[in-house]
Amino acid sequence: MNFILMKHGYPPAIIRKKERIDNLKALIDADNGNGIPFLALITKDVENSLKTMI
């Protein structure tokens, strides 16, 4: 996933340990056909990476 993000000019999505449970829930939802929670989580992590870079 991070390779694809960086290939398109985005920073990597860094998922913190404290977000691990939310990430796993989002992945389970995505496996069951609902990718919105995973997309929201990755979007937030990419935004945080961008803020760190600035």
PDB file of N, CA and C in Angstrom:
ATOM      1  N   MET A   1       0.824  -1.168   0.000  1.00  0.00           N
ATOM      2  CA  MET A   1       0.000   0.000   0.000  1.00  0.00           C
ATOM      3  C   MET A   1       0.882   1.250   0.000  1.00  0.00           C
ATOM      4  N   ASN A   2       1.865   1.284   0.887  1.00  0.00           N
ATOM      5  CA  ASN A   2       2.736   2.460   0.946  1.00  0.00           C
ATOM      6  C   ASN A   2       3.540   2.630  -0.340  1.00  0.00           C
ATOM      7  N   PHE A   3       3.925   1.535  -0.971  1.00  0.00           N
ATOM      8  CA  PHE A   3       4.627   1.623  -2.243  1.00  0.00           C
ATOM      9  C   PHE A   3       3.756   2.319  -3.278  1.00  0.00           C
ATOM     10  N   ILE A   4       2.494   1.951  -3.338  1.00  0.00           N
ATOM     11  CA  ILE A   4       1.566   2.558  -4.293  1.00  0.00           C
ATOM     12  C   ILE A   4       1.368   4.033  -3.970  1.00  0.00           C
ATOM     13  N   LEU A   5       1.211   4.365  -2.688  1.00  0.00           N
ATOM     14  CA  LEU A   5       1.069   5.772  -2.301  1.00  0.00           C
ATOM     15  C   LEU A   5       2.277   6.576  -2.757  1.00  0.00           C
ATOM     16  N   MET A   6       3.472   6.077  -2.455  1.00  0.00           N
ATOM     17  CA  MET A   6       4.690   6.815  -2.778  1.00  0.00           C
ATOM     18  C   MET A   6       4.922   6.878  -4.289  1.00  0.00           C
ATOM     19  N   LYS A   7       4.529   5.841  -5.003  1.00  0.00           N
ATOM     20  CA  LYS A   7       4.649   5.817  -6.462  1.00  0.00           C
ATOM     21  C   LYS A   7       3.839   6.956  -7.094  1.00  0.00           C
ATOM     22  N   HIS A   8       2.752   7.341  -6.426  1.00  0.00           N
ATOM     23  CA  HIS A   8       1.886   8.400  -6.934  1.00  0.00           C
ATOM     24  C   HIS A   8       2.134   9.747  -6.241  1.00  0.00           C
ATOM     25  N   GLY A   9       3.259   9.862  -5.537  1.00  0.00           N
ATOM     26  CA  GLY A   9       3.666  11.136  -4.979  1.00  0.00           C
ATOM     27  C   GLY A   9       3.168  11.436  -3.576  1.00  0.00           C
ATOM     28  N   TYR A  10       2.558  10.461  -2.916  1.00  0.00           N
ATOM     29  CA  TYR A  10       2.069  10.660  -1.554  1.00  0.00           C
ATOM     30  C   TYR A  10       3.085  10.110  -0.557  1.00  0.00           C
ATOM     31  N   PRO A  11       3.072  10.625   0.663  1.00  0.00           N
ATOM     32  CA  PRO A  11       3.952  10.046   1.688  1.00  0.00           C
ATOM     33  C   PRO A  11       3.353   8.724   2.172  1.00  0.00           C
ATOM     34  N   PRO A  12       4.162   7.901   2.822  1.00  0.00           N
ATOM     35  CA  PRO A  12       3.623   6.647   3.347  1.00  0.00           C
ATOM     36  C   PRO A  12       2.634   6.896   4.480  1.00  0.00           C
ATOM     37  N   ALA A  13       1.689   5.982   4.613  1.00  0.00           N
ATOM     38  CA  ALA A  13       0.743   6.034   5.725  1.00  0.00           C
ATOM     39  C   ALA A  13       1.384   5.291   6.894  1.00  0.00           C
ATOM     40  N   ILE A  14       1.661   6.021   7.950  1.00  0.00           N
ATOM     41  CA  ILE A  14       2.288   5.421   9.126  1.00  0.00           C
ATOM     42  C   ILE A  14       1.200   5.136  10.152  1.00  0.00           C
ATOM     43  N   ILE A  15       0.980   3.864  10.401  1.00  0.00           N
ATOM     44  CA  ILE A  15      -0.067   3.450  11.336  1.00  0.00           C
ATOM     45  C   ILE A  15       0.583   3.227  12.698  1.00  0.00           C
ATOM     46  N   ARG A  16       0.168   3.999  13.644  1.00  0.00           N
ATOM     47  CA  ARG A  16       0.738   3.948  14.995  1.00  0.00           C
ATOM     48  C   ARG A  16       0.224   2.719  15.758  1.00  0.00           C
ATOM     49  N   LYS A  17       1.009   2.288  16.721  1.00  0.00           N
ATOM     50  CA  LYS A  17       0.617   1.133  17.529  1.00  0.00           C
ATOM     51  C   LYS A  17      -0.734   1.331  18.200  1.00  0.00           C
ATOM     52  N   LYS A  18      -0.986   2.553  18.677  1.00  0.00           N
ATOM     53  CA  LYS A  18      -2.233   2.806  19.389  1.00  0.00           C
ATOM     54  C   LYS A  18      -3.451   2.728  18.462  1.00  0.00           C
ATOM     55  N   GLU A  19      -3.215   2.754  17.135  1.00  0.00           N
ATOM     56  CA  GLU A  19      -4.300   2.658  16.159  1.00  0.00           C
ATOM     57  C   GLU A  19      -4.461   1.234  15.616  1.00  0.00           C
ATOM     58  N   ARG A  20      -3.705   0.299  16.146  1.00  0.00           N
ATOM     59  CA  ARG A  20      -3.675  -1.065  15.606  1.00  0.00           C
ATOM     60  C   ARG A  20      -5.058  -1.716  15.602  1.00  0.00           C
ATOM     61  N   ILE A  21      -5.807  -1.585  16.683  1.00  0.00           N
ATOM     62  CA  ILE A  21      -7.129  -2.213  16.761  1.00  0.00           C
ATOM     63  C   ILE A  21      -8.069  -1.598  15.736  1.00  0.00           C
ATOM     64  N   ASP A  22      -8.053  -0.260  15.608  1.00  0.00           N
ATOM     65  CA  ASP A  22      -8.892   0.404  14.604  1.00  0.00           C
ATOM     66  C   ASP A  22      -8.509  -0.037  13.195  1.00  0.00           C
ATOM     67  N   ASN A  23      -7.203  -0.193  12.960  1.00  0.00           N
ATOM     68  CA  ASN A  23      -6.733  -0.631  11.651  1.00  0.00           C
ATOM     69  C   ASN A  23      -7.215  -2.046  11.342  1.00  0.00           C
ATOM     70  N   LEU A  24      -7.123  -2.931  12.318  1.00  0.00           N
ATOM     71  CA  LEU A  24      -7.581  -4.308  12.099  1.00  0.00           C
ATOM     72  C   LEU A  24      -9.082  -4.364  11.833  1.00  0.00           C
ATOM     73  N   LYS A  25      -9.851  -3.571  12.565  1.00  0.00           N
ATOM     74  CA  LYS A  25     -11.295  -3.514  12.330  1.00  0.00           C
ATOM     75  C   LYS A  25     -11.591  -2.995  10.930  1.00  0.00           C
ATOM     76  N   ALA A  26     -10.850  -1.982  10.504  1.00  0.00           N
ATOM     77  CA  ALA A  26     -11.052  -1.420   9.165  1.00  0.00           C
ATOM     78  C   ALA A  26     -10.696  -2.442   8.086  1.00  0.00           C
ATOM     79  N   LEU A  27      -9.643  -3.216   8.317  1.00  0.00           N
ATOM     80  CA  LEU A  27      -9.262  -4.253   7.355  1.00  0.00           C
ATOM     81  C   LEU A  27     -10.324  -5.351   7.279  1.00  0.00           C
ATOM     82  N   ILE A  28     -10.880  -5.721   8.418  1.00  0.00           N
ATOM     83  CA  ILE A  28     -11.943  -6.732   8.431  1.00  0.00           C
ATOM     84  C   ILE A  28     -13.159  -6.214   7.676  1.00  0.00           C
ATOM     85  N   ASP A  29     -13.519  -4.962   7.926  1.00  0.00           N
ATOM     86  CA  ASP A  29     -14.643  -4.357   7.194  1.00  0.00           C
ATOM     87  C   ASP A  29     -14.367  -4.361   5.687  1.00  0.00           C
ATOM     88  N   ALA A  30     -13.134  -4.026   5.299  1.00  0.00           N
ATOM     89  CA  ALA A  30     -12.776  -4.005   3.876  1.00  0.00           C
ATOM     90  C   ALA A  30     -12.880  -5.403   3.275  1.00  0.00           C
ATOM     91  N   ASP A  31     -12.447  -6.406   4.020  1.00  0.00           N
ATOM     92  CA  ASP A  31     -12.570  -7.787   3.544  1.00  0.00           C
ATOM     93  C   ASP A  31     -14.034  -8.191   3.355  1.00  0.00           C
ATOM     94  N   ASN A  32     -14.912  -7.579   4.130  1.00  0.00           N
ATOM     95  CA  ASN A  32     -16.341  -7.881   4.039  1.00  0.00           C
ATOM     96  C   ASN A  32     -17.072  -6.954   3.071  1.00  0.00           C
ATOM     97  N   GLY A  33     -16.329  -6.162   2.305  1.00  0.00           N
ATOM     98  CA  GLY A  33     -16.930  -5.343   1.266  1.00  0.00           C
ATOM     99  C   GLY A  33     -17.150  -3.883   1.600  1.00  0.00           C
ATOM    100  N   ASN A  34     -16.790  -3.456   2.817  1.00  0.00           N
ATOM    101  CA  ASN A  34     -16.959  -2.059   3.198  1.00  0.00           C
ATOM    102  C   ASN A  34     -15.575  -1.431   3.386  1.00  0.00           C
ATOM    103  N   GLY A  35     -15.055  -0.806   2.331  1.00  0.00           N
ATOM    104  CA  GLY A  35     -13.718  -0.239   2.384  1.00  0.00           C
ATOM    105  C   GLY A  35     -13.643   1.176   2.927  1.00  0.00           C
ATOM    106  N   ILE A  36     -14.788   1.760   3.233  1.00  0.00           N
ATOM    107  CA  ILE A  36     -14.811   3.159   3.678  1.00  0.00           C
ATOM    108  C   ILE A  36     -14.026   3.382   4.978  1.00  0.00           C
ATOM    109  N   PRO A  37     -14.184   2.553   6.017  1.00  0.00           N
ATOM    110  CA  PRO A  37     -13.390   2.779   7.234  1.00  0.00           C
ATOM    111  C   PRO A  37     -11.879   2.693   6.984  1.00  0.00           C
ATOM    112  N   PHE A  38     -11.457   1.767   6.128  1.00  0.00           N
ATOM    113  CA  PHE A  38     -10.035   1.644   5.818  1.00  0.00           C
ATOM    114  C   PHE A  38      -9.555   2.870   5.052  1.00  0.00           C
ATOM    115  N   LEU A  39     -10.326   3.314   4.094  1.00  0.00           N
ATOM    116  CA  LEU A  39      -9.976   4.506   3.331  1.00  0.00           C
ATOM    117  C   LEU A  39      -9.866   5.728   4.243  1.00  0.00           C
ATOM    118  N   ALA A  40     -10.791   5.860   5.179  1.00  0.00           N
ATOM    119  CA  ALA A  40     -10.758   6.987   6.125  1.00  0.00           C
ATOM    120  C   ALA A  40      -9.504   6.920   7.001  1.00  0.00           C
ATOM    121  N   LEU A  41      -9.167   5.738   7.463  1.00  0.00           N
ATOM    122  CA  LEU A  41      -7.987   5.565   8.314  1.00  0.00           C
ATOM    123  C   LEU A  41      -6.707   5.904   7.550  1.00  0.00           C
ATOM    124  N   ILE A  42      -6.582   5.412   6.333  1.00  0.00           N
ATOM    125  CA  ILE A  42      -5.382   5.671   5.537  1.00  0.00           C
ATOM    126  C   ILE A  42      -5.296   7.144   5.160  1.00  0.00           C
ATOM    127  N   THR A  43      -6.435   7.746   4.837  1.00  0.00           N
ATOM    128  CA  THR A  43      -6.451   9.177   4.515  1.00  0.00           C
ATOM    129  C   THR A  43      -5.936   9.998   5.690  1.00  0.00           C
ATOM    130  N   LYS A  44      -6.397   9.659   6.885  1.00  0.00           N
ATOM    131  CA  LYS A  44      -5.958  10.369   8.086  1.00  0.00           C
ATOM    132  C   LYS A  44      -4.449  10.179   8.302  1.00  0.00           C
ATOM    133  N   ASP A  45      -3.959   8.959   8.100  1.00  0.00           N
ATOM    134  CA  ASP A  45      -2.542   8.686   8.310  1.00  0.00           C
ATOM    135  C   ASP A  45      -1.663   9.402   7.275  1.00  0.00           C
ATOM    136  N   VAL A  46      -2.125   9.483   6.032  1.00  0.00           N
ATOM    137  CA  VAL A  46      -1.383  10.213   5.006  1.00  0.00           C
ATOM    138  C   VAL A  46      -1.375  11.703   5.326  1.00  0.00           C
ATOM    139  N   GLU A  47      -2.523  12.229   5.772  1.00  0.00           N
ATOM    140  CA  GLU A  47      -2.571  13.646   6.165  1.00  0.00           C
ATOM    141  C   GLU A  47      -1.595  13.923   7.304  1.00  0.00           C
ATOM    142  N   ASN A  48      -1.540  13.029   8.283  1.00  0.00           N
ATOM    143  CA  ASN A  48      -0.594  13.205   9.394  1.00  0.00           C
ATOM    144  C   ASN A  48       0.847  13.172   8.892  1.00  0.00           C
ATOM    145  N   SER A  49       1.143  12.296   7.925  1.00  0.00           N
ATOM    146  CA  SER A  49       2.486  12.251   7.361  1.00  0.00           C
ATOM    147  C   SER A  49       2.836  13.550   6.654  1.00  0.00           C
ATOM    148  N   LEU A  50       1.861  14.093   5.911  1.00  0.00           N
ATOM    149  CA  LEU A  50       2.084  15.361   5.227  1.00  0.00           C
ATOM    150  C   LEU A  50       2.348  16.491   6.219  1.00  0.00           C
ATOM    151  N   LYS A  51       1.586  16.527   7.316  1.00  0.00           N
ATOM    152  CA  LYS A  51       1.792  17.557   8.333  1.00  0.00           C
ATOM    153  C   LYS A  51       3.189  17.424   8.945  1.00  0.00           C
ATOM    154  N   THR A  52       3.631  16.213   9.178  1.00  0.00           N
ATOM    155  CA  THR A  52       4.961  15.973   9.742  1.00  0.00           C
ATOM    156  C   THR A  52       6.042  16.441   8.776  1.00  0.00           C
ATOM    157  N   MET A  53       5.835  16.205   7.503  1.00  0.00           N
ATOM    158  CA  MET A  53       6.819  16.600   6.499  1.00  0.00           C
ATOM    159  C   MET A  53       6.923  18.114   6.367  1.00  0.00           C
ATOM    160  N   ILE A  54       5.800  18.803   6.572  1.00  0.00           N
ATOM    161  CA  ILE A  54       5.797  20.266   6.439  1.00  0.00           C
ATOM    162  C   ILE A  54       6.441  20.846   7.675  1.00  0.00           C
TER     163      ILE A  54
END
